[in-house]
Amino acid sequence: MIEPVVKAIPTAAGSAVARSVGMLYADAPTIYVYEDVLGKMLAYFEQDLRREQGGFLVGGLHVDRELYVEVRGFLPAAGTQARATSLTFTHATWADMNRRVEEEFPGELVLGWAHTHPGLGVFLSSYDLFIHRHFFSQPWQIALVVDPRNKQLGFFQWHREQVVDCGFICVGRDAR
């Protein structure tokens, strides 16, 4: 088991105490997620434990001493086709996402996507990998999978041209 590490987040707002969760790769962008944003995502995903749900991770891409992404917002996906073991983003989903990011998160980037696997665990299926490779192909783009039934979550990122599970840094609520 990897022990949590205290690390300062390099943001314009200043430094904050944060904790590391999981395996961080030194040669891949570090993922910073605010605790309150993670809480909003988990609360949203717990609303339906029978079907997969999805959304988009929004925030900033930064270069300080390292390349890192900062997840500052979550946008639930609208217009999806959801079933117990699958989720399809439709043309309406993508159009709605683009419009809402401009309106609700001006100046922010879509850093990646999130979806659930209720009762199935945390992994990327072959279809999930297809989505990530074709729609989130930038080396800094990430994915989050949540199993809301089993209270598990995991991030995935590009590392050496492969999509791998990875750790992240959770930034406390009072950090902003």
C-alpha atoms as a PDB file:
ATOM      1  CA  MET A   1       0.000   0.000   0.000  1.00  0.00           C
ATOM      2  CA  ILE A   2       1.254   3.455  -0.884  1.00  0.00           C
ATOM      3  CA  GLU A   3       1.271   5.882   2.024  1.00  0.00           C
ATOM      4  CA  PRO A   4      -0.244   9.352   1.531  1.00  0.00           C
ATOM      5  CA  VAL A   5       2.329  12.051   0.876  1.00  0.00           C
ATOM      6  CA  VAL A   6       1.908  15.709   1.791  1.00  0.00           C
ATOM      7  CA  LYS A   7       2.699  17.915  -1.206  1.00  0.00           C
ATOM      8  CA  ALA A   8       2.069  21.547  -2.094  1.00  0.00           C
ATOM      9  CA  ILE A   9      -0.109  22.146  -5.133  1.00  0.00           C
ATOM     10  CA  PRO A  10       1.501  24.646  -7.497  1.00  0.00           C
ATOM     11  CA  THR A  11      -1.449  26.925  -8.289  1.00  0.00           C
ATOM     12  CA  ALA A  12      -1.863  30.618  -8.854  1.00  0.00           C
ATOM     13  CA  ALA A  13      -3.984  30.722  -5.706  1.00  0.00           C
ATOM     14  CA  GLY A  14      -0.973  29.661  -3.613  1.00  0.00           C
ATOM     15  CA  SER A  15       0.042  26.482  -1.871  1.00  0.00           C
ATOM     16  CA  ALA A  16      -2.228  24.120  -0.015  1.00  0.00           C
ATOM     17  CA  VAL A  17      -1.782  20.902   1.883  1.00  0.00           C
ATOM     18  CA  ALA A  18      -2.820  17.925  -0.193  1.00  0.00           C
ATOM     19  CA  ARG A  19      -2.633  14.154   0.012  1.00  0.00           C
ATOM     20  CA  SER A  20      -1.445  11.706  -2.566  1.00  0.00           C
ATOM     21  CA  VAL A  21      -3.687   8.743  -3.388  1.00  0.00           C
ATOM     22  CA  GLY A  22      -2.298   5.823  -5.388  1.00  0.00           C
ATOM     23  CA  MET A  23       0.675   5.581  -7.724  1.00  0.00           C
ATOM     24  CA  LEU A  24       2.010   8.831  -9.189  1.00  0.00           C
ATOM     25  CA  TYR A  25       4.243   8.514 -12.243  1.00  0.00           C
ATOM     26  CA  ALA A  26       7.206  10.905 -12.262  1.00  0.00           C
ATOM     27  CA  ASP A  27       7.149  11.077 -16.073  1.00  0.00           C
ATOM     28  CA  ALA A  28       3.403  11.735 -16.490  1.00  0.00           C
ATOM     29  CA  PRO A  29       1.308  14.801 -15.679  1.00  0.00           C
ATOM     30  CA  THR A  30       0.245  14.953 -12.039  1.00  0.00           C
ATOM     31  CA  ILE A  31      -3.516  15.048 -11.484  1.00  0.00           C
ATOM     32  CA  TYR A  32      -4.753  17.478  -8.825  1.00  0.00           C
ATOM     33  CA  VAL A  33      -8.427  17.232  -7.824  1.00  0.00           C
ATOM     34  CA  TYR A  34     -10.189  19.464  -5.334  1.00  0.00           C
ATOM     35  CA  GLU A  35     -11.959  17.530  -2.609  1.00  0.00           C
ATOM     36  CA  ASP A  36     -15.195  19.492  -3.066  1.00  0.00           C
ATOM     37  CA  VAL A  37     -15.246  18.759  -6.825  1.00  0.00           C
ATOM     38  CA  LEU A  38     -14.621  15.070  -6.158  1.00  0.00           C
ATOM     39  CA  GLY A  39     -17.441  15.148  -3.603  1.00  0.00           C
ATOM     40  CA  LYS A  40     -19.849  16.680  -6.150  1.00  0.00           C
ATOM     41  CA  MET A  41     -18.949  13.996  -8.687  1.00  0.00           C
ATOM     42  CA  LEU A  42     -19.451  11.172  -6.209  1.00  0.00           C
ATOM     43  CA  ALA A  43     -22.778  12.604  -5.007  1.00  0.00           C
ATOM     44  CA  TYR A  44     -23.966  12.865  -8.616  1.00  0.00           C
ATOM     45  CA  PHE A  45     -22.861   9.313  -9.419  1.00  0.00           C
ATOM     46  CA  GLU A  46     -24.573   7.901  -6.318  1.00  0.00           C
ATOM     47  CA  GLN A  47     -27.966   9.093  -7.640  1.00  0.00           C
ATOM     48  CA  ASP A  48     -28.309   6.082  -9.955  1.00  0.00           C
ATOM     49  CA  LEU A  49     -26.792   2.767  -8.920  1.00  0.00           C
ATOM     50  CA  ARG A  50     -28.512   0.776 -11.677  1.00  0.00           C
ATOM     51  CA  ARG A  51     -27.139   2.418 -14.839  1.00  0.00           C
ATOM     52  CA  GLU A  52     -23.837   3.883 -15.907  1.00  0.00           C
ATOM     53  CA  GLN A  53     -23.549   7.658 -15.782  1.00  0.00           C
ATOM     54  CA  GLY A  54     -20.916   9.993 -17.131  1.00  0.00           C
ATOM     55  CA  GLY A  55     -19.552  13.475 -17.251  1.00  0.00           C
ATOM     56  CA  PHE A  56     -16.594  15.646 -18.082  1.00  0.00           C
ATOM     57  CA  LEU A  57     -13.644  16.829 -16.002  1.00  0.00           C
ATOM     58  CA  VAL A  58     -12.950  20.529 -16.424  1.00  0.00           C
ATOM     59  CA  GLY A  59     -10.037  22.677 -15.309  1.00  0.00           C
ATOM     60  CA  GLY A  60      -6.580  23.793 -16.218  1.00  0.00           C
ATOM     61  CA  LEU A  61      -3.403  22.449 -17.768  1.00  0.00           C
ATOM     62  CA  HIS A  62      -0.302  23.968 -16.198  1.00  0.00           C
ATOM     63  CA  VAL A  63       3.455  23.874 -16.455  1.00  0.00           C
ATOM     64  CA  ASP A  64       5.409  24.849 -13.386  1.00  0.00           C
ATOM     65  CA  ARG A  65       8.368  22.661 -12.568  1.00  0.00           C
ATOM     66  CA  GLU A  66       6.228  19.852 -13.946  1.00  0.00           C
ATOM     67  CA  LEU A  67       3.250  19.414 -16.239  1.00  0.00           C
ATOM     68  CA  TYR A  68       0.057  18.971 -14.263  1.00  0.00           C
ATOM     69  CA  VAL A  69      -3.709  19.087 -14.610  1.00  0.00           C
ATOM     70  CA  GLU A  70      -5.977  20.708 -12.060  1.00  0.00           C
ATOM     71  CA  VAL A  71      -9.558  19.403 -11.976  1.00  0.00           C
ATOM     72  CA  ARG A  72     -11.639  22.387 -10.863  1.00  0.00           C
ATOM     73  CA  GLY A  73     -15.068  21.353 -12.122  1.00  0.00           C
ATOM     74  CA  PHE A  74     -17.357  18.560 -13.203  1.00  0.00           C
ATOM     75  CA  LEU A  75     -20.021  18.700 -15.881  1.00  0.00           C
ATOM     76  CA  PRO A  76     -22.581  15.849 -15.913  1.00  0.00           C
ATOM     77  CA  ALA A  77     -23.102  14.419 -19.401  1.00  0.00           C
ATOM     78  CA  ALA A  78     -26.527  15.134 -20.900  1.00  0.00           C
ATOM     79  CA  GLY A  79     -28.227  13.218 -23.694  1.00  0.00           C
ATOM     80  CA  THR A  80     -26.420   9.936 -23.092  1.00  0.00           C
ATOM     81  CA  GLN A  81     -27.728   6.445 -23.756  1.00  0.00           C
ATOM     82  CA  ALA A  82     -27.237   4.677 -20.440  1.00  0.00           C
ATOM     83  CA  ARG A  83     -27.706   1.034 -19.532  1.00  0.00           C
ATOM     84  CA  ALA A  84     -26.606  -1.169 -16.646  1.00  0.00           C
ATOM     85  CA  THR A  85     -23.247  -1.950 -18.248  1.00  0.00           C
ATOM     86  CA  SER A  86     -22.769   0.677 -20.945  1.00  0.00           C
ATOM     87  CA  LEU A  87     -22.822   4.397 -21.557  1.00  0.00           C
ATOM     88  CA  THR A  88     -22.881   6.058 -24.960  1.00  0.00           C
ATOM     89  CA  PHE A  89     -22.094   9.717 -25.527  1.00  0.00           C
ATOM     90  CA  THR A  90     -24.312  10.885 -28.380  1.00  0.00           C
ATOM     91  CA  HIS A  91     -23.873  13.826 -30.752  1.00  0.00           C
ATOM     92  CA  ALA A  92     -26.209  15.728 -28.425  1.00  0.00           C
ATOM     93  CA  THR A  93     -23.900  14.904 -25.483  1.00  0.00           C
ATOM     94  CA  TRP A  94     -20.856  16.394 -27.224  1.00  0.00           C
ATOM     95  CA  ALA A  95     -22.748  19.479 -28.422  1.00  0.00           C
ATOM     96  CA  ASP A  96     -24.184  20.095 -24.950  1.00  0.00           C
ATOM     97  CA  MET A  97     -20.750  19.629 -23.358  1.00  0.00           C
ATOM     98  CA  ASN A  98     -19.134  22.187 -25.683  1.00  0.00           C
ATOM     99  CA  ARG A  99     -21.898  24.744 -25.088  1.00  0.00           C
ATOM    100  CA  ARG A 100     -21.967  24.279 -21.306  1.00  0.00           C
ATOM    101  CA  VAL A 101     -18.195  24.424 -20.893  1.00  0.00           C
ATOM    102  CA  GLU A 102     -18.192  27.810 -22.651  1.00  0.00           C
ATOM    103  CA  GLU A 103     -21.094  29.061 -20.506  1.00  0.00           C
ATOM    104  CA  GLU A 104     -20.311  27.543 -17.105  1.00  0.00           C
ATOM    105  CA  PHE A 105     -16.520  27.200 -17.223  1.00  0.00           C
ATOM    106  CA  PRO A 106     -15.235  29.972 -19.509  1.00  0.00           C
ATOM    107  CA  GLY A 107     -11.527  29.691 -20.190  1.00  0.00           C
ATOM    108  CA  GLU A 108     -11.319  26.148 -18.821  1.00  0.00           C
ATOM    109  CA  LEU A 109     -10.332  22.999 -20.709  1.00  0.00           C
ATOM    110  CA  VAL A 110     -12.033  19.627 -20.886  1.00  0.00           C
ATOM    111  CA  LEU A 111      -9.329  17.599 -19.164  1.00  0.00           C
ATOM    112  CA  GLY A 112     -11.062  14.278 -19.617  1.00  0.00           C
ATOM    113  CA  TRP A 113     -14.118  12.291 -18.753  1.00  0.00           C
ATOM    114  CA  ALA A 114     -15.670  10.299 -15.938  1.00  0.00           C
ATOM    115  CA  HIS A 115     -18.163   7.464 -15.826  1.00  0.00           C
ATOM    116  CA  THR A 116     -19.473   4.773 -13.523  1.00  0.00           C
ATOM    117  CA  HIS A 117     -19.385   0.997 -13.372  1.00  0.00           C
ATOM    118  CA  PRO A 118     -22.060   0.302 -10.705  1.00  0.00           C
ATOM    119  CA  GLY A 119     -21.127  -2.884  -8.864  1.00  0.00           C
ATOM    120  CA  LEU A 120     -18.512  -3.878 -11.451  1.00  0.00           C
ATOM    121  CA  GLY A 121     -15.306  -2.356 -10.098  1.00  0.00           C
ATOM    122  CA  VAL A 122     -12.827   0.188 -11.415  1.00  0.00           C
ATOM    123  CA  PHE A 123     -11.347  -0.532 -14.850  1.00  0.00           C
ATOM    124  CA  LEU A 124     -11.502   0.681 -18.427  1.00  0.00           C
ATOM    125  CA  SER A 125     -13.311  -1.710 -20.734  1.00  0.00           C
ATOM    126  CA  SER A 126     -12.258  -2.095 -24.356  1.00  0.00           C
ATOM    127  CA  TYR A 127     -15.058   0.337 -25.309  1.00  0.00           C
ATOM    128  CA  ASP A 128     -13.875   2.804 -22.630  1.00  0.00           C
ATOM    129  CA  LEU A 129     -10.350   2.588 -24.058  1.00  0.00           C
ATOM    130  CA  PHE A 130     -11.762   3.264 -27.530  1.00  0.00           C
ATOM    131  CA  ILE A 131     -13.482   6.416 -26.211  1.00  0.00           C
ATOM    132  CA  HIS A 132     -10.328   7.565 -24.437  1.00  0.00           C
ATOM    133  CA  ARG A 133      -8.025   6.901 -27.388  1.00  0.00           C
ATOM    134  CA  HIS A 134     -10.283   8.650 -29.917  1.00  0.00           C
ATOM    135  CA  PHE A 135     -11.778  11.539 -27.962  1.00  0.00           C
ATOM    136  CA  PHE A 136      -9.243  12.155 -25.167  1.00  0.00           C
ATOM    137  CA  SER A 137      -5.984  11.455 -26.963  1.00  0.00           C
ATOM    138  CA  GLN A 138      -3.873  14.347 -25.675  1.00  0.00           C
ATOM    139  CA  PRO A 139      -1.070  13.138 -23.371  1.00  0.00           C
ATOM    140  CA  TRP A 140      -2.516  15.185 -20.486  1.00  0.00           C
ATOM    141  CA  GLN A 141      -6.124  13.983 -20.823  1.00  0.00           C
ATOM    142  CA  ILE A 142      -7.474  11.747 -18.081  1.00  0.00           C
ATOM    143  CA  ALA A 143     -10.351   9.444 -17.190  1.00  0.00           C
ATOM    144  CA  LEU A 144     -12.069   8.714 -13.893  1.00  0.00           C
ATOM    145  CA  VAL A 145     -14.036   5.525 -13.232  1.00  0.00           C
ATOM    146  CA  VAL A 146     -16.300   5.284 -10.192  1.00  0.00           C
ATOM    147  CA  ASP A 147     -18.054   2.225  -8.809  1.00  0.00           C
ATOM    148  CA  PRO A 148     -20.681   3.947  -6.660  1.00  0.00           C
ATOM    149  CA  ARG A 149     -22.043   0.689  -5.233  1.00  0.00           C
ATOM    150  CA  ASN A 150     -18.676  -0.476  -3.929  1.00  0.00           C
ATOM    151  CA  LYS A 151     -17.475   3.072  -3.099  1.00  0.00           C
ATOM    152  CA  GLN A 152     -14.374   2.789  -5.311  1.00  0.00           C
ATOM    153  CA  LEU A 153     -12.773   5.145  -7.785  1.00  0.00           C
ATOM    154  CA  GLY A 154      -9.685   5.317  -9.933  1.00  0.00           C
ATOM    155  CA  PHE A 155      -8.008   7.670 -12.367  1.00  0.00           C
ATOM    156  CA  PHE A 156      -6.411   6.694 -15.666  1.00  0.00           C
ATOM    157  CA  GLN A 157      -3.920   8.639 -17.742  1.00  0.00           C
ATOM    158  CA  TRP A 158      -1.597   8.407 -20.697  1.00  0.00           C
ATOM    159  CA  HIS A 159       1.820   7.067 -19.720  1.00  0.00           C
ATOM    160  CA  ARG A 160       4.398   6.054 -22.297  1.00  0.00           C
ATOM    161  CA  GLU A 161       1.692   5.926 -25.011  1.00  0.00           C
ATOM    162  CA  GLN A 162      -0.514   3.581 -22.965  1.00  0.00           C
ATOM    163  CA  VAL A 163      -3.584   4.295 -20.836  1.00  0.00           C
ATOM    164  CA  VAL A 164      -2.775   3.188 -17.292  1.00  0.00           C
ATOM    165  CA  ASP A 165      -4.369   3.471 -13.873  1.00  0.00           C
ATOM    166  CA  CYS A 166      -2.711   6.121 -11.762  1.00  0.00           C
ATOM    167  CA  GLY A 167      -2.855   8.072  -8.569  1.00  0.00           C
ATOM    168  CA  PHE A 168      -3.838  11.651  -7.955  1.00  0.00           C
ATOM    169  CA  ILE A 169      -3.434  14.430  -5.419  1.00  0.00           C
ATOM    170  CA  CYS A 170      -6.550  15.353  -3.469  1.00  0.00           C
ATOM    171  CA  VAL A 171      -6.532  19.012  -2.429  1.00  0.00           C
ATOM    172  CA  GLY A 172      -8.444  19.930   0.737  1.00  0.00           C
ATOM    173  CA  ARG A 173     -11.573  22.082   0.787  1.00  0.00           C
ATOM    174  CA  ASP A 174      -9.906  25.050   2.443  1.00  0.00           C
ATOM    175  CA  ALA A 175      -7.221  25.233  -0.256  1.00  0.00           C
ATOM    176  CA  ARG A 176      -9.060  27.614  -2.537  1.00  0.00           C
END
